[in-house]
C-alpha atoms as a PDB file:
ATOM      1  CA  UNK A   1       6.573 -26.204  -3.843  1.00  0.00           C
ATOM      2  CA  UNK A   2       8.949 -24.874  -6.648  1.00  0.00           C
ATOM      3  CA  UNK A   3       8.360 -21.306  -5.042  1.00  0.00           C
ATOM      4  CA  UNK A   4       8.812 -22.080  -1.421  1.00  0.00           C
ATOM      5  CA  UNK A   5      12.354 -20.668  -1.281  1.00  0.00           C
ATOM      6  CA  UNK A   6      11.201 -17.334  -2.737  1.00  0.00           C
ATOM      7  CA  UNK A   7       8.483 -17.130  -0.575  1.00  0.00           C
ATOM      8  CA  UNK A   8      10.600 -17.475   2.630  1.00  0.00           C
ATOM      9  CA  UNK A   9      12.913 -14.811   1.176  1.00  0.00           C
ATOM     10  CA  UNK A  10      10.141 -12.398   0.699  1.00  0.00           C
ATOM     11  CA  UNK A  11       8.845 -12.814   3.961  1.00  0.00           C
ATOM     12  CA  UNK A  12      12.582 -12.501   5.763  1.00  0.00           C
ATOM     13  CA  UNK A  13      12.946  -9.319   4.088  1.00  0.00           C
ATOM     14  CA  UNK A  14       9.518  -7.996   4.958  1.00  0.00           C
ATOM     15  CA  UNK A  15      10.612  -8.498   8.691  1.00  0.00           C
ATOM     16  CA  UNK A  16      14.182  -7.356   8.630  1.00  0.00           C
ATOM     17  CA  UNK A  17      12.272  -4.232   7.267  1.00  0.00           C
ATOM     18  CA  UNK A  18       9.613  -3.918   9.786  1.00  0.00           C
ATOM     19  CA  UNK A  19      12.592  -4.219  12.186  1.00  0.00           C
ATOM     20  CA  UNK A  20      14.298  -1.642  10.905  1.00  0.00           C
ATOM     21  CA  UNK A  21      11.166   0.360  10.918  1.00  0.00           C
ATOM     22  CA  UNK A  22      11.854   1.046  14.771  1.00  0.00           C
ATOM     23  CA  UNK A  23      14.014   3.403  14.186  1.00  0.00           C
ATOM     24  CA  UNK A  24      11.069   5.544  12.958  1.00  0.00           C
ATOM     25  CA  UNK A  25       8.878   5.062  16.067  1.00  0.00           C
ATOM     26  CA  UNK A  26       9.493   8.439  17.908  1.00  0.00           C
ATOM     27  CA  UNK A  27       8.436  10.425  14.144  1.00  0.00           C
ATOM     28  CA  UNK A  28       5.477   7.984  14.323  1.00  0.00           C
ATOM     29  CA  UNK A  29       4.644   8.868  17.557  1.00  0.00           C
ATOM     30  CA  UNK A  30       4.919  12.641  16.475  1.00  0.00           C
ATOM     31  CA  UNK A  31       2.786  12.126  13.701  1.00  0.00           C
ATOM     32  CA  UNK A  32      -0.046  10.536  15.908  1.00  0.00           C
ATOM     33  CA  UNK A  33       0.647  13.592  18.334  1.00  0.00           C
ATOM     34  CA  UNK A  34      -0.093  16.097  15.099  1.00  0.00           C
ATOM     35  CA  UNK A  35      -3.216  13.756  14.469  1.00  0.00           C
ATOM     36  CA  UNK A  36      -4.639  13.735  17.369  1.00  0.00           C
ATOM     37  CA  UNK A  37      -4.166  17.530  18.118  1.00  0.00           C
ATOM     38  CA  UNK A  38      -5.819  18.367  14.878  1.00  0.00           C
ATOM     39  CA  UNK A  39      -9.093  15.874  15.736  1.00  0.00           C
ATOM     40  CA  UNK A  40      -9.467  17.200  19.054  1.00  0.00           C
ATOM     41  CA  UNK A  41      -9.530  21.075  17.679  1.00  0.00           C
ATOM     42  CA  UNK A  42     -12.179  20.132  15.151  1.00  0.00           C
ATOM     43  CA  UNK A  43      -9.778  19.617  12.105  1.00  0.00           C
ATOM     44  CA  UNK A  44      -9.487  16.662   9.481  1.00  0.00           C
ATOM     45  CA  UNK A  45      -7.126  14.509   8.405  1.00  0.00           C
ATOM     46  CA  UNK A  46      -6.295  14.107   4.270  1.00  0.00           C
ATOM     47  CA  UNK A  47      -4.544  11.871   2.698  1.00  0.00           C
ATOM     48  CA  UNK A  48      -3.053  11.673  -1.023  1.00  0.00           C
ATOM     49  CA  UNK A  49      -0.911   9.719  -2.897  1.00  0.00           C
ATOM     50  CA  UNK A  50      -0.534   8.075  -6.739  1.00  0.00           C
ATOM     51  CA  UNK A  51      -1.265   4.787  -7.820  1.00  0.00           C
ATOM     52  CA  UNK A  52      -0.942   2.239  -4.587  1.00  0.00           C
ATOM     53  CA  UNK A  53      -0.559   5.061  -2.450  1.00  0.00           C
ATOM     54  CA  UNK A  54      -3.754   6.534  -3.619  1.00  0.00           C
ATOM     55  CA  UNK A  55      -5.340   2.946  -2.875  1.00  0.00           C
ATOM     56  CA  UNK A  56      -3.538   3.517   0.465  1.00  0.00           C
ATOM     57  CA  UNK A  57      -5.082   6.829   1.416  1.00  0.00           C
ATOM     58  CA  UNK A  58      -8.736   5.434   0.352  1.00  0.00           C
ATOM     59  CA  UNK A  59      -7.990   2.741   2.503  1.00  0.00           C
ATOM     60  CA  UNK A  60      -6.616   4.926   5.900  1.00  0.00           C
ATOM     61  CA  UNK A  61      -9.561   7.691   5.414  1.00  0.00           C
ATOM     62  CA  UNK A  62     -11.727   5.050   5.514  1.00  0.00           C
ATOM     63  CA  UNK A  63     -10.251   3.633   8.924  1.00  0.00           C
ATOM     64  CA  UNK A  64     -10.727   6.936  10.191  1.00  0.00           C
ATOM     65  CA  UNK A  65     -14.171   7.524   8.901  1.00  0.00           C
ATOM     66  CA  UNK A  66     -15.606   4.007   9.515  1.00  0.00           C
ATOM     67  CA  UNK A  67     -14.146   2.098  12.512  1.00  0.00           C
ATOM     68  CA  UNK A  68     -10.056   1.247  12.727  1.00  0.00           C
ATOM     69  CA  UNK A  69     -10.336  -1.637  16.052  1.00  0.00           C
ATOM     70  CA  UNK A  70     -13.667  -0.229  18.137  1.00  0.00           C
ATOM     71  CA  UNK A  71     -17.159   1.013  17.105  1.00  0.00           C
ATOM     72  CA  UNK A  72     -16.852   5.079  17.360  1.00  0.00           C
ATOM     73  CA  UNK A  73     -18.130   8.206  16.212  1.00  0.00           C
ATOM     74  CA  UNK A  74     -16.229   8.809  12.930  1.00  0.00           C
ATOM     75  CA  UNK A  75     -13.519  10.852  13.052  1.00  0.00           C
ATOM     76  CA  UNK A  76     -13.371  13.205   9.985  1.00  0.00           C
ATOM     77  CA  UNK A  77     -10.875  11.950   7.303  1.00  0.00           C
ATOM     78  CA  UNK A  78     -11.190  12.109   3.499  1.00  0.00           C
ATOM     79  CA  UNK A  79      -8.714  11.381   0.681  1.00  0.00           C
ATOM     80  CA  UNK A  80      -7.587  13.797  -1.755  1.00  0.00           C
ATOM     81  CA  UNK A  81      -7.574  10.675  -4.466  1.00  0.00           C
ATOM     82  CA  UNK A  82     -11.344   9.714  -4.984  1.00  0.00           C
ATOM     83  CA  UNK A  83     -13.370  12.087  -6.802  1.00  0.00           C
ATOM     84  CA  UNK A  84     -12.590  11.258 -10.687  1.00  0.00           C
ATOM     85  CA  UNK A  85     -14.626  14.349 -11.744  1.00  0.00           C
ATOM     86  CA  UNK A  86     -12.240  16.726  -9.737  1.00  0.00           C
ATOM     87  CA  UNK A  87      -9.198  14.863 -10.630  1.00  0.00           C
ATOM     88  CA  UNK A  88      -9.675  15.022 -14.218  1.00  0.00           C
ATOM     89  CA  UNK A  89     -11.188  18.321 -14.367  1.00  0.00           C
ATOM     90  CA  UNK A  90      -8.028  20.154 -12.331  1.00  0.00           C
ATOM     91  CA  UNK A  91      -5.945  17.485 -14.616  1.00  0.00           C
ATOM     92  CA  UNK A  92      -7.189  18.895 -17.594  1.00  0.00           C
ATOM     93  CA  UNK A  93      -7.483  22.292 -16.865  1.00  0.00           C
ATOM     94  CA  UNK A  94      -4.602  22.944 -14.223  1.00  0.00           C
ATOM     95  CA  UNK A  95      -1.911  19.693 -14.704  1.00  0.00           C
ATOM     96  CA  UNK A  96      -1.888  16.694 -13.260  1.00  0.00           C
ATOM     97  CA  UNK A  97       0.729  18.484 -10.730  1.00  0.00           C
ATOM     98  CA  UNK A  98      -2.136  20.507  -9.245  1.00  0.00           C
ATOM     99  CA  UNK A  99      -4.890  17.615  -8.804  1.00  0.00           C
ATOM    100  CA  UNK A 100      -4.034  17.680  -4.674  1.00  0.00           C
ATOM    101  CA  UNK A 101      -3.032  21.309  -4.200  1.00  0.00           C
ATOM    102  CA  UNK A 102      -6.110  22.708  -6.097  1.00  0.00           C
ATOM    103  CA  UNK A 103      -8.487  20.591  -3.791  1.00  0.00           C
ATOM    104  CA  UNK A 104      -6.548  21.298  -0.728  1.00  0.00           C
ATOM    105  CA  UNK A 105      -7.133  25.097  -1.579  1.00  0.00           C
ATOM    106  CA  UNK A 106     -10.967  24.297  -1.854  1.00  0.00           C
ATOM    107  CA  UNK A 107     -11.387  22.143   1.153  1.00  0.00           C
ATOM    108  CA  UNK A 108      -8.391  22.561   3.856  1.00  0.00           C
ATOM    109  CA  UNK A 109      -8.396  24.673   6.691  1.00  0.00           C
ATOM    110  CA  UNK A 110      -5.685  25.979   9.140  1.00  0.00           C
ATOM    111  CA  UNK A 111      -5.161  23.534  11.740  1.00  0.00           C
ATOM    112  CA  UNK A 112      -6.171  20.813   9.285  1.00  0.00           C
ATOM    113  CA  UNK A 113      -3.622  17.335   8.634  1.00  0.00           C
ATOM    114  CA  UNK A 114      -2.213  16.223   5.287  1.00  0.00           C
ATOM    115  CA  UNK A 115      -0.724  13.099   4.791  1.00  0.00           C
ATOM    116  CA  UNK A 116       1.562  12.753   1.595  1.00  0.00           C
ATOM    117  CA  UNK A 117       2.444   9.525   0.237  1.00  0.00           C
ATOM    118  CA  UNK A 118       5.045   9.018  -1.831  1.00  0.00           C
ATOM    119  CA  UNK A 119       7.530   6.196  -2.131  1.00  0.00           C
ATOM    120  CA  UNK A 120      10.341   7.950  -3.846  1.00  0.00           C
ATOM    121  CA  UNK A 121       9.090  11.415  -1.974  1.00  0.00           C
ATOM    122  CA  UNK A 122       9.317  13.432  -5.489  1.00  0.00           C
ATOM    123  CA  UNK A 123       5.590  12.722  -6.921  1.00  0.00           C
ATOM    124  CA  UNK A 124       5.329  16.280  -7.929  1.00  0.00           C
ATOM    125  CA  UNK A 125       1.582  16.404  -7.120  1.00  0.00           C
ATOM    126  CA  UNK A 126       2.273  15.238  -3.610  1.00  0.00           C
ATOM    127  CA  UNK A 127       5.124  17.881  -3.028  1.00  0.00           C
ATOM    128  CA  UNK A 128       2.605  20.680  -4.650  1.00  0.00           C
ATOM    129  CA  UNK A 129       0.119  19.717  -2.170  1.00  0.00           C
ATOM    130  CA  UNK A 130       2.469  19.624   0.760  1.00  0.00           C
ATOM    131  CA  UNK A 131       3.731  23.263  -0.359  1.00  0.00           C
ATOM    132  CA  UNK A 132       0.222  24.474  -0.270  1.00  0.00           C
ATOM    133  CA  UNK A 133      -0.417  22.778   2.914  1.00  0.00           C
ATOM    134  CA  UNK A 134       2.265  24.779   4.725  1.00  0.00           C
ATOM    135  CA  UNK A 135       1.024  28.011   2.985  1.00  0.00           C
ATOM    136  CA  UNK A 136      -2.484  27.739   4.604  1.00  0.00           C
ATOM    137  CA  UNK A 137      -1.360  26.222   8.333  1.00  0.00           C
ATOM    138  CA  UNK A 138      -2.213  22.738   7.846  1.00  0.00           C
ATOM    139  CA  UNK A 139       0.575  20.145   9.496  1.00  0.00           C
ATOM    140  CA  UNK A 140       1.845  17.886   6.823  1.00  0.00           C
ATOM    141  CA  UNK A 141       3.128  14.610   7.276  1.00  0.00           C
ATOM    142  CA  UNK A 142       5.376  12.560   4.968  1.00  0.00           C
ATOM    143  CA  UNK A 143       5.451   8.592   4.128  1.00  0.00           C
ATOM    144  CA  UNK A 144       8.407   7.971   1.982  1.00  0.00           C
ATOM    145  CA  UNK A 145      10.754   5.130   1.397  1.00  0.00           C
ATOM    146  CA  UNK A 146      14.801   5.166   2.413  1.00  0.00           C
ATOM    147  CA  UNK A 147      15.729   8.241   1.159  1.00  0.00           C
ATOM    148  CA  UNK A 148      12.665  10.524   1.749  1.00  0.00           C
ATOM    149  CA  UNK A 149      13.288  12.610  -1.736  1.00  0.00           C
ATOM    150  CA  UNK A 150      11.700  15.946  -2.085  1.00  0.00           C
ATOM    151  CA  UNK A 151       9.108  15.709   0.767  1.00  0.00           C
ATOM    152  CA  UNK A 152      11.518  15.193   3.523  1.00  0.00           C
ATOM    153  CA  UNK A 153      12.964  18.782   3.118  1.00  0.00           C
ATOM    154  CA  UNK A 154       9.358  20.034   3.126  1.00  0.00           C
ATOM    155  CA  UNK A 155       6.870  18.159   5.551  1.00  0.00           C
ATOM    156  CA  UNK A 156       6.750  18.879   8.948  1.00  0.00           C
ATOM    157  CA  UNK A 157       7.245  15.515   9.588  1.00  0.00           C
ATOM    158  CA  UNK A 158       8.137  12.405   7.674  1.00  0.00           C
ATOM    159  CA  UNK A 159       7.912   8.731   8.497  1.00  0.00           C
ATOM    160  CA  UNK A 160      10.746   7.193   6.328  1.00  0.00           C
ATOM    161  CA  UNK A 161      10.252   3.883   5.130  1.00  0.00           C
ATOM    162  CA  UNK A 162      13.476   1.797   5.446  1.00  0.00           C
ATOM    163  CA  UNK A 163      13.525  -0.029   2.001  1.00  0.00           C
ATOM    164  CA  UNK A 164      13.884   1.344  -1.740  1.00  0.00           C
ATOM    165  CA  UNK A 165      11.831  -0.826  -3.111  1.00  0.00           C
ATOM    166  CA  UNK A 166       8.596   0.114  -3.868  1.00  0.00           C
ATOM    167  CA  UNK A 167       6.462  -2.832  -2.871  1.00  0.00           C
ATOM    168  CA  UNK A 168       8.289  -2.894   0.641  1.00  0.00           C
ATOM    169  CA  UNK A 169       7.440   0.789   1.123  1.00  0.00           C
ATOM    170  CA  UNK A 170       4.103   0.227   0.612  1.00  0.00           C
ATOM    171  CA  UNK A 171       3.862  -2.501   2.890  1.00  0.00           C
ATOM    172  CA  UNK A 172       5.384  -0.498   5.748  1.00  0.00           C
ATOM    173  CA  UNK A 173       3.079   2.691   4.779  1.00  0.00           C
ATOM    174  CA  UNK A 174       0.205   0.886   5.187  1.00  0.00           C
ATOM    175  CA  UNK A 175       1.195  -0.947   8.303  1.00  0.00           C
ATOM    176  CA  UNK A 176       2.333   3.021   9.713  1.00  0.00           C
ATOM    177  CA  UNK A 177      -1.039   4.081   8.626  1.00  0.00           C
ATOM    178  CA  UNK A 178      -2.633   1.851  10.581  1.00  0.00           C
ATOM    179  CA  UNK A 179      -0.560   2.926  13.710  1.00  0.00           C
ATOM    180  CA  UNK A 180      -1.893   6.154  13.204  1.00  0.00           C
ATOM    181  CA  UNK A 181      -5.243   5.056  13.219  1.00  0.00           C
ATOM    182  CA  UNK A 182      -4.879   3.192  16.209  1.00  0.00           C
ATOM    183  CA  UNK A 183      -3.238   5.784  17.595  1.00  0.00           C
ATOM    184  CA  UNK A 184      -5.432   8.323  17.180  1.00  0.00           C
ATOM    185  CA  UNK A 185      -8.727   5.720  17.781  1.00  0.00           C
ATOM    186  CA  UNK A 186      -7.414   5.014  21.443  1.00  0.00           C
ATOM    187  CA  UNK A 187      -6.557   8.642  22.275  1.00  0.00           C
ATOM    188  CA  UNK A 188      -9.837  10.307  20.613  1.00  0.00           C
ATOM    189  CA  UNK A 189     -12.802   7.433  21.803  1.00  0.00           C
END
């Protein structure tokens, strides 16, 4: 029982963060609308991020391709983080900063959506992918931390988790991602 105070403090801080996240509800709704419009028009949703954000990208793409809460046809989605051969070849030949943008140029289409996750908002490979997406007519949605970083300046829509602490930001990112998947599922199925 020696850790119970730390556990309570953590849970209270997480609860406070989620209450603050309510301020992003209009922006989250706007992002869901962009995803829904893309999917209705026959486009796809792509995700990218590094580390824990890479794992979240895979998780969220799977929620759309598989199922979130209801049995339904798959919704086209993929994570640009999963092909280790492409990631390592592109990283080796073109630099790590281009691992997502290079893939995007190969498989992205005008009208698609790219969701970039970066707790700092400054991950160079995610920033590069967002810039390429904008050139290609792909809607860009950023999930960042409180400051927003560079992504807040270039994304069409930026959802800022109200924290500067990486783990807390990631907890809110997965909740926001679940909301987006759930809203898309409800609208399209």
